[in-house]
Amino acid sequence: MSQFIRIDKDSNPKKAVLLNLDLVASVELSPQSDLLSSADEKRVYLSCLAHDKTVIATVHFDSVEDAHAWIQNHLGVQV
C-alpha cells in the first residue's frame, strides 16, 4: 500500500492535501530568500521532487528548525 502524508495548507485542515511518498524521489530544503517574493529570511521551504526533478509538493516553514522537525516526524530522517 502507498504511504501518504497530509499537508494542511495555510494551517487549515479544511485545505489539506495528501502527498504520496511513493512518488517522491528527493527532497530539497532551501532558504525562502531564494524565492523572488520573499521578505522574511528566516523562512525556509521544502520541495518534494519526482525522479525527473518535477516538483510535486512544496511546504513552507517559519524556521529551519520547524522544517527539520517536520522531516523527522513525517519522513523519519534527522537532518
Protein backbone atom coordinates (compact mmCIF):
# COMPACT_ATOMS: atom_id res chain seq x y z
CA MET A 1 0.00 0.00 0.00
CA SER A 2 1.20 3.51 -0.76
CA GLN A 3 2.32 5.80 2.03
CA PHE A 4 0.64 9.20 2.22
CA ILE A 5 1.20 12.21 4.44
CA ARG A 6 -1.25 15.02 4.97
CA ILE A 7 -0.22 18.63 4.45
CA ASP A 8 -2.51 21.33 5.83
CA LYS A 9 -2.40 24.39 3.59
CA ASP A 10 -2.32 27.70 5.48
CA SER A 11 -2.55 25.70 8.76
CA ASN A 12 -6.16 24.98 7.85
CA PRO A 13 -7.24 21.31 7.95
CA LYS A 14 -10.08 22.12 5.54
CA LYS A 15 -7.44 22.89 2.90
CA ALA A 16 -5.47 19.66 3.41
CA VAL A 17 -3.77 17.80 0.58
CA LEU A 18 -2.28 14.32 0.55
CA LEU A 19 1.25 13.68 -0.69
CA ASN A 20 2.03 10.18 -1.94
CA LEU A 21 5.55 9.47 -0.66
CA ASP A 22 6.00 6.71 -3.25
CA LEU A 23 6.25 9.46 -5.89
CA VAL A 24 8.98 11.37 -4.04
CA ALA A 25 12.50 10.67 -5.26
CA SER A 26 14.26 13.52 -3.46
CA VAL A 27 13.62 16.34 -1.00
CA GLU A 28 15.34 19.72 -1.11
CA LEU A 29 15.40 22.26 1.73
CA SER A 30 16.12 25.86 0.71
CA PRO A 31 16.00 29.35 2.23
CA GLN A 32 12.84 31.27 1.46
CA SER A 33 15.04 34.12 0.23
CA ASP A 34 15.57 32.05 -2.94
CA LEU A 35 12.01 32.98 -3.89
CA LEU A 36 11.57 36.34 -5.56
CA SER A 37 8.63 37.44 -3.38
CA SER A 38 10.21 36.61 -0.04
CA ALA A 39 10.70 39.27 2.59
CA ASP A 40 11.39 37.01 5.59
CA GLU A 41 14.88 35.50 5.52
CA LYS A 42 14.21 33.08 8.43
CA ARG A 43 11.59 31.13 6.47
CA VAL A 44 12.52 28.03 4.51
CA TYR A 45 10.75 25.79 2.07
CA LEU A 46 10.94 22.08 1.38
CA SER A 47 10.42 20.79 -2.16
CA CYS A 48 9.49 17.17 -2.84
CA LEU A 49 10.67 16.14 -6.30
CA ALA A 50 9.80 13.21 -8.54
CA HIS A 51 12.51 11.12 -10.21
CA ASP A 52 12.52 13.53 -13.21
CA LYS A 53 13.03 16.53 -10.85
CA THR A 54 9.42 17.72 -11.25
CA VAL A 55 8.31 19.43 -8.03
CA ILE A 56 5.24 17.61 -6.75
CA ALA A 57 4.87 19.46 -3.43
CA THR A 58 6.32 22.47 -1.66
CA VAL A 59 5.89 23.08 2.06
CA HIS A 60 6.84 26.40 3.68
CA PHE A 61 8.13 26.75 7.26
CA ASP A 62 8.73 29.70 9.57
CA SER A 63 12.18 28.42 10.57
CA VAL A 64 14.70 25.77 9.64
CA GLU A 65 14.06 24.09 12.99
CA ASP A 66 10.37 23.66 12.09
CA ALA A 67 11.39 22.17 8.75
CA HIS A 68 13.80 19.73 10.41
CA ALA A 69 11.10 18.67 12.88
CA TRP A 70 8.61 18.09 10.04
CA ILE A 71 11.15 15.99 8.12
CA GLN A 72 11.91 13.94 11.25
CA ASN A 73 8.21 13.43 12.00
CA HIS A 74 6.96 12.65 8.50
CA LEU A 75 9.95 11.19 6.68
CA GLY A 76 11.77 9.60 9.61
CA VAL A 77 15.06 11.30 8.79
CA GLN A 78 17.05 13.54 11.11
CA VAL A 79 18.64 16.44 9.27
